[in-house]
Amino acid sequence: MKRKEKGPMDQPQSFLLHALFIIILLWVMFGYVFGLINAPNNDMFPRIDSGDLLLYYRLDTDMKAQDVAVLKKNNTVYIGRVVAVGGDTVDISDDNKLIINGHTVYENNIFYPTSRYEGFVDYPVTLAPDTYFVLVDQRNVGEDSRYYGVVSKDELLGTVITIMRRTNL
């Protein structure tokens, strides 16, 4: 059996074929499986700073409490922490305490009081199935479910899986 000799064009063709395969693979991975986004503001400070690059997993839309979610509401992309899921009842007391299902939630990693934003959401809020209540870590100034209301499953873009700091770059 005779072996075919490689000609001078076989190497560039092989390179182009491999490059095309890698481009298609990256397109599928970052078009359908993963997403990248810059943190638009300091609403999640100190965990996430403005300008940090976030890698999120698009296929995970079944959130649980404490997941950091990327969502799109009213044509604006937000990042926030899920505090309640479908079936839960959310309330915020007059003394700025978060209450889920009648129990005060003590969050060791949140350093700001959770106050109501008057005129946006009527409390208590009972979440329908496949809906979520999302709060930012900067509870005193951030835009979250207290401002734009309950988040539905189809408004979720994915779960943040890693943060790449962009300070001093």
N, C-alpha and C. Protein backbone atom coordinates (compact mmCIF):
# COMPACT_ATOMS: atom_id res chain seq x y z
N MET A 1 0.84 -1.17 0.00
CA MET A 1 0.00 0.00 0.00
C MET A 1 0.89 1.23 0.00
N LYS A 2 0.61 2.12 -0.89
CA LYS A 2 1.41 3.31 -1.06
C LYS A 2 0.89 4.42 -0.17
N ARG A 3 1.80 5.09 0.50
CA ARG A 3 1.41 6.19 1.38
C ARG A 3 1.48 7.51 0.60
N LYS A 4 0.45 8.32 0.76
CA LYS A 4 0.38 9.58 0.03
C LYS A 4 1.34 10.58 0.69
N GLU A 5 2.10 11.25 -0.13
CA GLU A 5 3.03 12.25 0.38
C GLU A 5 2.28 13.55 0.60
N LYS A 6 2.68 14.27 1.67
CA LYS A 6 2.06 15.56 1.95
C LYS A 6 2.64 16.62 1.03
N GLY A 7 1.75 17.34 0.43
CA GLY A 7 2.17 18.43 -0.46
C GLY A 7 2.32 19.73 0.32
N PRO A 8 2.78 20.79 -0.31
CA PRO A 8 2.99 22.06 0.38
C PRO A 8 1.69 22.73 0.84
N MET A 9 0.54 22.38 0.29
CA MET A 9 -0.73 22.99 0.69
C MET A 9 -1.43 22.22 1.80
N ASP A 10 -0.95 21.02 2.11
CA ASP A 10 -1.61 20.22 3.13
C ASP A 10 -1.49 20.85 4.52
N GLN A 11 -0.36 21.46 4.83
CA GLN A 11 -0.18 22.07 6.14
C GLN A 11 -1.10 23.28 6.34
N PRO A 12 -1.18 24.23 5.42
CA PRO A 12 -2.12 25.36 5.62
C PRO A 12 -3.58 24.91 5.67
N GLN A 13 -3.93 23.91 4.86
CA GLN A 13 -5.30 23.41 4.89
C GLN A 13 -5.60 22.77 6.24
N SER A 14 -4.68 22.02 6.77
CA SER A 14 -4.85 21.40 8.07
C SER A 14 -4.98 22.46 9.16
N PHE A 15 -4.14 23.48 9.10
CA PHE A 15 -4.21 24.58 10.06
C PHE A 15 -5.57 25.28 10.00
N LEU A 16 -6.03 25.59 8.80
CA LEU A 16 -7.31 26.27 8.63
C LEU A 16 -8.48 25.42 9.12
N LEU A 17 -8.40 24.12 8.88
CA LEU A 17 -9.44 23.21 9.36
C LEU A 17 -9.48 23.19 10.88
N HIS A 18 -8.32 23.11 11.52
CA HIS A 18 -8.26 23.12 12.98
C HIS A 18 -8.73 24.47 13.54
N ALA A 19 -8.33 25.57 12.89
CA ALA A 19 -8.74 26.89 13.34
C ALA A 19 -10.26 27.05 13.22
N LEU A 20 -10.84 26.58 12.13
CA LEU A 20 -12.28 26.64 11.95
C LEU A 20 -13.00 25.82 13.03
N PHE A 21 -12.49 24.65 13.33
CA PHE A 21 -13.07 23.82 14.38
C PHE A 21 -13.04 24.54 15.73
N ILE A 22 -11.92 25.17 16.06
CA ILE A 22 -11.79 25.88 17.34
C ILE A 22 -12.74 27.07 17.39
N ILE A 23 -12.87 27.80 16.29
CA ILE A 23 -13.78 28.94 16.24
C ILE A 23 -15.23 28.50 16.44
N ILE A 24 -15.62 27.43 15.79
CA ILE A 24 -16.99 26.91 15.95
C ILE A 24 -17.21 26.43 17.37
N LEU A 25 -16.25 25.76 17.95
CA LEU A 25 -16.36 25.28 19.34
C LEU A 25 -16.52 26.46 20.31
N LEU A 26 -15.71 27.50 20.16
CA LEU A 26 -15.82 28.68 21.02
C LEU A 26 -17.16 29.40 20.81
N TRP A 27 -17.61 29.47 19.55
CA TRP A 27 -18.90 30.10 19.28
C TRP A 27 -20.04 29.37 19.98
N VAL A 28 -20.01 28.04 19.93
CA VAL A 28 -21.05 27.25 20.61
C VAL A 28 -20.93 27.42 22.12
N MET A 29 -19.71 27.33 22.66
CA MET A 29 -19.53 27.44 24.12
C MET A 29 -19.98 28.78 24.66
N PHE A 30 -19.55 29.88 23.98
CA PHE A 30 -19.89 31.20 24.51
C PHE A 30 -21.17 31.77 23.93
N GLY A 31 -21.78 31.08 22.99
CA GLY A 31 -23.07 31.52 22.48
C GLY A 31 -24.24 30.83 23.16
N TYR A 32 -24.01 29.61 23.65
CA TYR A 32 -25.10 28.82 24.20
C TYR A 32 -24.85 28.28 25.60
N VAL A 33 -23.60 28.05 25.98
CA VAL A 33 -23.30 27.41 27.27
C VAL A 33 -22.83 28.43 28.30
N PHE A 34 -21.87 29.28 27.94
CA PHE A 34 -21.32 30.26 28.86
C PHE A 34 -21.55 31.66 28.32
N GLY A 35 -21.46 32.63 29.23
CA GLY A 35 -21.54 34.02 28.83
C GLY A 35 -20.53 34.84 29.61
N LEU A 36 -20.11 35.93 29.05
CA LEU A 36 -19.20 36.88 29.70
C LEU A 36 -19.89 38.23 29.78
N ILE A 37 -19.72 38.89 30.91
CA ILE A 37 -20.30 40.22 31.08
C ILE A 37 -19.43 41.01 32.05
N ASN A 38 -19.33 42.30 31.82
CA ASN A 38 -18.68 43.20 32.78
C ASN A 38 -19.71 43.60 33.82
N ALA A 39 -19.30 43.62 35.08
CA ALA A 39 -20.21 44.11 36.12
C ALA A 39 -20.48 45.59 35.84
N PRO A 40 -21.74 45.97 35.66
CA PRO A 40 -22.05 47.33 35.23
C PRO A 40 -21.90 48.39 36.31
N ASN A 41 -21.92 47.97 37.59
CA ASN A 41 -21.87 48.95 38.67
C ASN A 41 -21.37 48.27 39.96
N ASN A 42 -21.44 48.99 41.05
CA ASN A 42 -20.97 48.45 42.34
C ASN A 42 -22.11 47.91 43.20
N ASP A 43 -23.24 47.52 42.59
CA ASP A 43 -24.38 47.01 43.36
C ASP A 43 -24.06 45.75 44.15
N MET A 44 -23.05 44.99 43.73
CA MET A 44 -22.70 43.74 44.44
C MET A 44 -21.41 43.90 45.26
N PHE A 45 -20.96 45.14 45.50
CA PHE A 45 -19.77 45.39 46.30
C PHE A 45 -19.98 44.89 47.72
N PRO A 46 -19.03 44.26 48.37
CA PRO A 46 -17.62 44.10 48.05
C PRO A 46 -17.29 42.82 47.29
N ARG A 47 -18.23 41.96 47.02
CA ARG A 47 -17.93 40.71 46.32
C ARG A 47 -17.56 40.93 44.85
N ILE A 48 -18.32 41.80 44.19
CA ILE A 48 -18.11 42.09 42.77
C ILE A 48 -18.00 43.60 42.61
N ASP A 49 -16.91 44.04 42.00
CA ASP A 49 -16.71 45.47 41.76
C ASP A 49 -17.12 45.83 40.34
N SER A 50 -17.41 47.10 40.15
CA SER A 50 -17.72 47.61 38.82
C SER A 50 -16.55 47.33 37.88
N GLY A 51 -16.85 46.76 36.71
CA GLY A 51 -15.82 46.45 35.73
C GLY A 51 -15.26 45.05 35.83
N ASP A 52 -15.55 44.31 36.91
CA ASP A 52 -15.09 42.91 37.00
C ASP A 52 -15.73 42.11 35.87
N LEU A 53 -14.98 41.16 35.35
CA LEU A 53 -15.49 40.31 34.27
C LEU A 53 -16.09 39.06 34.89
N LEU A 54 -17.35 38.78 34.57
CA LEU A 54 -18.07 37.65 35.15
C LEU A 54 -18.30 36.58 34.09
N LEU A 55 -18.00 35.35 34.43
CA LEU A 55 -18.31 34.21 33.58
C LEU A 55 -19.54 33.56 34.18
N TYR A 56 -20.58 33.42 33.37
CA TYR A 56 -21.80 32.79 33.88
C TYR A 56 -22.21 31.62 33.00
N TYR A 57 -22.93 30.68 33.65
CA TYR A 57 -23.39 29.46 33.01
C TYR A 57 -24.83 29.65 32.58
N ARG A 58 -25.07 29.65 31.28
CA ARG A 58 -26.40 29.94 30.73
C ARG A 58 -27.42 28.82 30.93
N LEU A 59 -26.98 27.59 31.03
CA LEU A 59 -27.91 26.46 31.05
C LEU A 59 -28.54 26.23 32.43
N ASP A 60 -28.05 26.93 33.45
CA ASP A 60 -28.59 26.77 34.80
C ASP A 60 -29.57 27.89 35.09
N THR A 61 -30.85 27.60 34.94
CA THR A 61 -31.86 28.60 35.25
C THR A 61 -32.74 28.17 36.42
N ASP A 62 -32.40 27.07 37.07
CA ASP A 62 -33.08 26.67 38.30
C ASP A 62 -32.24 27.17 39.47
N MET A 63 -32.52 28.39 39.86
CA MET A 63 -31.73 29.04 40.91
C MET A 63 -32.17 28.59 42.29
N LYS A 64 -31.26 28.73 43.22
CA LYS A 64 -31.57 28.50 44.63
C LYS A 64 -31.08 29.71 45.41
N ALA A 65 -31.49 29.82 46.65
CA ALA A 65 -31.09 30.96 47.47
C ALA A 65 -29.57 31.05 47.55
N GLN A 66 -29.08 32.27 47.48
CA GLN A 66 -27.65 32.64 47.53
C GLN A 66 -26.92 32.50 46.21
N ASP A 67 -27.56 32.00 45.15
CA ASP A 67 -26.92 32.00 43.83
C ASP A 67 -26.83 33.44 43.33
N VAL A 68 -25.71 33.77 42.68
CA VAL A 68 -25.57 35.08 42.07
C VAL A 68 -26.01 34.93 40.61
N ALA A 69 -27.02 35.70 40.25
CA ALA A 69 -27.65 35.55 38.94
C ALA A 69 -27.38 36.76 38.05
N VAL A 70 -27.31 36.48 36.75
CA VAL A 70 -27.31 37.53 35.73
C VAL A 70 -28.69 37.49 35.13
N LEU A 71 -29.36 38.65 35.07
CA LEU A 71 -30.73 38.68 34.57
C LEU A 71 -30.94 39.91 33.71
N LYS A 72 -31.95 39.83 32.88
CA LYS A 72 -32.30 40.96 32.02
C LYS A 72 -33.74 41.34 32.31
N LYS A 73 -33.90 42.55 32.78
CA LYS A 73 -35.22 43.05 33.14
C LYS A 73 -35.39 44.42 32.51
N ASN A 74 -36.46 44.65 31.79
CA ASN A 74 -36.73 45.94 31.14
C ASN A 74 -35.57 46.38 30.25
N ASN A 75 -35.02 45.43 29.49
CA ASN A 75 -33.91 45.67 28.57
C ASN A 75 -32.64 46.16 29.25
N THR A 76 -32.48 45.89 30.53
CA THR A 76 -31.27 46.23 31.28
C THR A 76 -30.76 44.97 31.93
N VAL A 77 -29.44 44.76 31.89
CA VAL A 77 -28.84 43.59 32.52
C VAL A 77 -28.47 43.94 33.95
N TYR A 78 -28.86 43.08 34.88
CA TYR A 78 -28.59 43.25 36.30
C TYR A 78 -27.86 42.02 36.83
N ILE A 79 -27.16 42.22 37.93
CA ILE A 79 -26.53 41.12 38.65
C ILE A 79 -27.03 41.20 40.08
N GLY A 80 -27.47 40.08 40.62
CA GLY A 80 -27.98 40.09 41.99
C GLY A 80 -27.95 38.71 42.61
N ARG A 81 -28.24 38.69 43.90
CA ARG A 81 -28.23 37.45 44.68
C ARG A 81 -29.67 36.99 44.90
N VAL A 82 -29.96 35.76 44.54
CA VAL A 82 -31.29 35.19 44.76
C VAL A 82 -31.48 34.99 46.26
N VAL A 83 -32.57 35.55 46.81
CA VAL A 83 -32.85 35.37 48.24
C VAL A 83 -34.10 34.54 48.48
N ALA A 84 -34.96 34.43 47.47
CA ALA A 84 -36.17 33.63 47.63
C ALA A 84 -36.58 33.07 46.26
N VAL A 85 -37.20 31.88 46.30
CA VAL A 85 -37.61 31.20 45.08
C VAL A 85 -39.12 30.98 45.12
N GLY A 86 -39.66 30.45 44.02
CA GLY A 86 -41.10 30.20 43.91
C GLY A 86 -41.68 29.50 45.13
N GLY A 87 -42.78 30.03 45.65
CA GLY A 87 -43.44 29.47 46.82
C GLY A 87 -43.07 30.19 48.11
N ASP A 88 -41.97 30.93 48.12
CA ASP A 88 -41.55 31.67 49.31
C ASP A 88 -42.32 32.98 49.42
N THR A 89 -42.43 33.48 50.65
CA THR A 89 -43.03 34.78 50.90
C THR A 89 -41.94 35.70 51.43
N VAL A 90 -41.81 36.86 50.80
CA VAL A 90 -40.76 37.83 51.13
C VAL A 90 -41.40 39.06 51.76
N ASP A 91 -40.79 39.52 52.84
CA ASP A 91 -41.23 40.75 53.48
C ASP A 91 -39.99 41.49 53.96
N ILE A 92 -40.11 42.79 54.10
CA ILE A 92 -39.05 43.62 54.67
C ILE A 92 -39.69 44.40 55.80
N SER A 93 -39.14 44.24 57.00
CA SER A 93 -39.74 44.86 58.18
C SER A 93 -39.44 46.35 58.23
N ASP A 94 -40.15 47.04 59.13
CA ASP A 94 -39.94 48.48 59.30
C ASP A 94 -38.54 48.79 59.84
N ASP A 95 -37.93 47.81 60.51
CA ASP A 95 -36.56 48.03 61.02
C ASP A 95 -35.51 47.44 60.08
N ASN A 96 -35.84 47.36 58.77
CA ASN A 96 -34.90 46.98 57.71
C ASN A 96 -34.35 45.56 57.82
N LYS A 97 -35.21 44.62 58.15
CA LYS A 97 -34.81 43.21 58.21
C LYS A 97 -35.51 42.45 57.08
N LEU A 98 -34.76 41.55 56.44
CA LEU A 98 -35.31 40.69 55.40
C LEU A 98 -35.99 39.51 56.06
N ILE A 99 -37.24 39.27 55.69
CA ILE A 99 -38.02 38.18 56.29
C ILE A 99 -38.48 37.26 55.15
N ILE A 100 -38.09 35.99 55.22
CA ILE A 100 -38.49 34.99 54.24
C ILE A 100 -39.33 33.94 54.97
N ASN A 101 -40.54 33.71 54.50
CA ASN A 101 -41.46 32.72 55.08
C ASN A 101 -41.64 32.92 56.58
N GLY A 102 -41.71 34.18 57.01
CA GLY A 102 -41.96 34.50 58.40
C GLY A 102 -40.73 34.46 59.29
N HIS A 103 -39.56 34.17 58.76
CA HIS A 103 -38.33 34.09 59.56
C HIS A 103 -37.35 35.17 59.11
N THR A 104 -36.78 35.87 60.09
CA THR A 104 -35.78 36.88 59.79
C THR A 104 -34.52 36.20 59.27
N VAL A 105 -33.99 36.71 58.18
CA VAL A 105 -32.79 36.14 57.56
C VAL A 105 -31.58 36.95 58.04
N TYR A 106 -30.63 36.24 58.66
CA TYR A 106 -29.38 36.87 59.09
C TYR A 106 -28.30 36.49 58.10
N GLU A 107 -27.82 37.49 57.38
CA GLU A 107 -26.82 37.26 56.34
C GLU A 107 -25.48 37.80 56.82
N ASN A 108 -24.54 36.90 57.07
CA ASN A 108 -23.23 37.29 57.58
C ASN A 108 -22.40 38.05 56.56
N ASN A 109 -22.70 37.88 55.28
CA ASN A 109 -21.89 38.49 54.23
C ASN A 109 -22.50 39.77 53.66
N ILE A 110 -23.58 40.26 54.24
CA ILE A 110 -24.22 41.50 53.79
C ILE A 110 -24.02 42.55 54.88
N PHE A 111 -23.48 43.70 54.50
CA PHE A 111 -23.06 44.70 55.48
C PHE A 111 -23.97 45.93 55.52
N TYR A 112 -25.08 45.89 54.79
CA TYR A 112 -25.97 47.03 54.70
C TYR A 112 -27.39 46.61 55.06
N PRO A 113 -28.16 47.50 55.67
CA PRO A 113 -29.55 47.14 56.00
C PRO A 113 -30.40 46.98 54.74
N THR A 114 -31.37 46.10 54.82
CA THR A 114 -32.28 45.85 53.70
C THR A 114 -33.53 46.70 53.92
N SER A 115 -33.60 47.83 53.26
CA SER A 115 -34.74 48.72 53.44
C SER A 115 -35.71 48.57 52.27
N ARG A 116 -36.94 48.96 52.51
CA ARG A 116 -37.95 48.96 51.45
C ARG A 116 -37.72 50.14 50.53
N TYR A 117 -38.04 49.95 49.26
CA TYR A 117 -38.10 51.07 48.32
C TYR A 117 -39.58 51.38 48.17
N GLU A 118 -40.00 52.48 48.71
CA GLU A 118 -41.42 52.82 48.73
C GLU A 118 -41.94 53.11 47.32
N GLY A 119 -43.14 52.60 47.05
CA GLY A 119 -43.82 52.89 45.80
C GLY A 119 -43.55 51.91 44.67
N PHE A 120 -42.77 50.86 44.93
CA PHE A 120 -42.45 49.91 43.86
C PHE A 120 -43.10 48.55 44.07
N VAL A 121 -42.93 47.95 45.24
CA VAL A 121 -43.41 46.59 45.52
C VAL A 121 -44.26 46.63 46.78
N ASP A 122 -45.39 45.93 46.74
CA ASP A 122 -46.25 45.82 47.92
C ASP A 122 -45.87 44.56 48.68
N TYR A 123 -45.53 44.71 49.96
CA TYR A 123 -45.11 43.58 50.80
C TYR A 123 -46.24 43.15 51.69
N PRO A 124 -46.27 41.89 52.06
CA PRO A 124 -45.39 40.78 51.67
C PRO A 124 -45.68 40.31 50.24
N VAL A 125 -44.66 39.74 49.62
CA VAL A 125 -44.76 39.22 48.25
C VAL A 125 -44.65 37.71 48.30
N THR A 126 -45.65 37.01 47.78
CA THR A 126 -45.57 35.55 47.66
C THR A 126 -45.22 35.22 46.22
N LEU A 127 -44.13 34.48 46.06
CA LEU A 127 -43.60 34.20 44.73
C LEU A 127 -44.32 33.02 44.07
N ALA A 128 -44.70 33.21 42.83
CA ALA A 128 -45.31 32.14 42.03
C ALA A 128 -44.21 31.15 41.64
N PRO A 129 -44.60 29.95 41.19
CA PRO A 129 -43.58 29.01 40.70
C PRO A 129 -42.75 29.63 39.58
N ASP A 130 -41.48 29.26 39.52
CA ASP A 130 -40.54 29.75 38.51
C ASP A 130 -40.34 31.26 38.55
N THR A 131 -40.46 31.85 39.74
CA THR A 131 -40.11 33.26 39.93
C THR A 131 -39.12 33.37 41.09
N TYR A 132 -38.41 34.50 41.12
CA TYR A 132 -37.34 34.68 42.09
C TYR A 132 -37.36 36.11 42.61
N PHE A 133 -36.91 36.26 43.85
CA PHE A 133 -36.71 37.58 44.44
C PHE A 133 -35.21 37.77 44.56
N VAL A 134 -34.69 38.80 43.92
CA VAL A 134 -33.25 39.03 43.81
C VAL A 134 -32.89 40.33 44.50
N LEU A 135 -31.86 40.28 45.36
CA LEU A 135 -31.36 41.48 46.02
C LEU A 135 -29.88 41.65 45.71
N VAL A 136 -29.43 42.89 45.68
CA VAL A 136 -28.00 43.15 45.51
C VAL A 136 -27.36 43.19 46.89
N ASP A 137 -26.03 43.10 46.93
CA ASP A 137 -25.33 43.13 48.22
C ASP A 137 -25.27 44.54 48.80
N GLN A 138 -25.29 45.57 47.96
CA GLN A 138 -25.34 46.98 48.41
C GLN A 138 -26.81 47.31 48.65
N ARG A 139 -27.35 46.83 49.74
CA ARG A 139 -28.79 46.91 49.98
C ARG A 139 -29.32 48.33 50.15
N ASN A 140 -28.44 49.29 50.41
CA ASN A 140 -28.94 50.64 50.66
C ASN A 140 -29.11 51.48 49.40
N VAL A 141 -28.50 51.06 48.24
CA VAL A 141 -28.60 51.90 47.04
C VAL A 141 -28.86 51.13 45.75
N GLY A 142 -28.73 49.82 45.74
CA GLY A 142 -28.79 49.06 44.49
C GLY A 142 -30.19 48.87 43.94
N GLU A 143 -30.22 48.58 42.63
CA GLU A 143 -31.49 48.27 41.96
C GLU A 143 -31.66 46.76 41.94
N ASP A 144 -32.78 46.28 42.49
CA ASP A 144 -33.04 44.85 42.57
C ASP A 144 -34.55 44.63 42.59
N SER A 145 -35.01 43.49 43.10
CA SER A 145 -36.44 43.18 43.08
C SER A 145 -37.27 44.16 43.89
N ARG A 146 -36.68 44.90 44.80
CA ARG A 146 -37.41 45.94 45.52
C ARG A 146 -37.77 47.09 44.57
N TYR A 147 -37.01 47.20 43.49
CA TYR A 147 -37.21 48.28 42.51
C TYR A 147 -37.97 47.80 41.28
N TYR A 148 -37.53 46.67 40.68
CA TYR A 148 -38.14 46.21 39.42
C TYR A 148 -39.08 45.03 39.59
N GLY A 149 -39.27 44.55 40.79
CA GLY A 149 -40.23 43.48 41.05
C GLY A 149 -39.63 42.09 40.92
N VAL A 150 -40.51 41.12 40.98
CA VAL A 150 -40.13 39.71 40.94
C VAL A 150 -39.54 39.37 39.57
N VAL A 151 -38.57 38.46 39.56
CA VAL A 151 -37.89 38.04 38.33
C VAL A 151 -38.44 36.68 37.91
N SER A 152 -38.87 36.57 36.65
CA SER A 152 -39.35 35.29 36.15
C SER A 152 -38.19 34.47 35.59
N LYS A 153 -38.40 33.19 35.46
CA LYS A 153 -37.35 32.28 34.99
C LYS A 153 -36.83 32.65 33.61
N ASP A 154 -37.71 33.13 32.73
CA ASP A 154 -37.26 33.47 31.38
C ASP A 154 -36.47 34.78 31.32
N GLU A 155 -36.41 35.53 32.42
CA GLU A 155 -35.58 36.73 32.47
C GLU A 155 -34.17 36.45 32.98
N LEU A 156 -33.93 35.22 33.44
CA LEU A 156 -32.60 34.85 33.93
C LEU A 156 -31.70 34.50 32.76
N LEU A 157 -30.49 35.03 32.78
CA LEU A 157 -29.50 34.71 31.75
C LEU A 157 -28.58 33.59 32.21
N GLY A 158 -28.37 33.44 33.52
CA GLY A 158 -27.52 32.37 34.02
C GLY A 158 -26.99 32.63 35.41
N THR A 159 -26.18 31.69 35.89
CA THR A 159 -25.58 31.74 37.21
C THR A 159 -24.11 32.09 37.10
N VAL A 160 -23.66 33.07 37.87
CA VAL A 160 -22.25 33.45 37.87
C VAL A 160 -21.43 32.30 38.44
N ILE A 161 -20.39 31.89 37.69
CA ILE A 161 -19.54 30.78 38.17
C ILE A 161 -18.14 31.24 38.54
N THR A 162 -17.70 32.37 38.01
CA THR A 162 -16.40 32.90 38.41
C THR A 162 -16.33 34.40 38.13
N ILE A 163 -15.46 35.05 38.89
CA ILE A 163 -15.25 36.49 38.77
C ILE A 163 -13.79 36.73 38.46
N MET A 164 -13.53 37.50 37.43
CA MET A 164 -12.16 37.87 37.10
C MET A 164 -11.99 39.34 37.41
N ARG A 165 -11.18 39.63 38.42
CA ARG A 165 -10.96 41.01 38.86
C ARG A 165 -10.29 41.82 37.77
N ARG A 166 -10.74 43.03 37.58
CA ARG A 166 -10.18 43.88 36.53
C ARG A 166 -9.53 45.12 37.13
N THR A 167 -9.24 45.12 38.40
CA THR A 167 -8.62 46.29 39.02
C THR A 167 -7.14 46.36 38.63
N ASN A 168 -6.69 47.55 38.41
CA ASN A 168 -5.29 47.85 38.09
C ASN A 168 -4.80 47.14 36.84
N LEU A 169 -5.66 46.92 35.86
CA LEU A 169 -5.22 46.32 34.62
C LEU A 169 -4.98 47.38 33.57
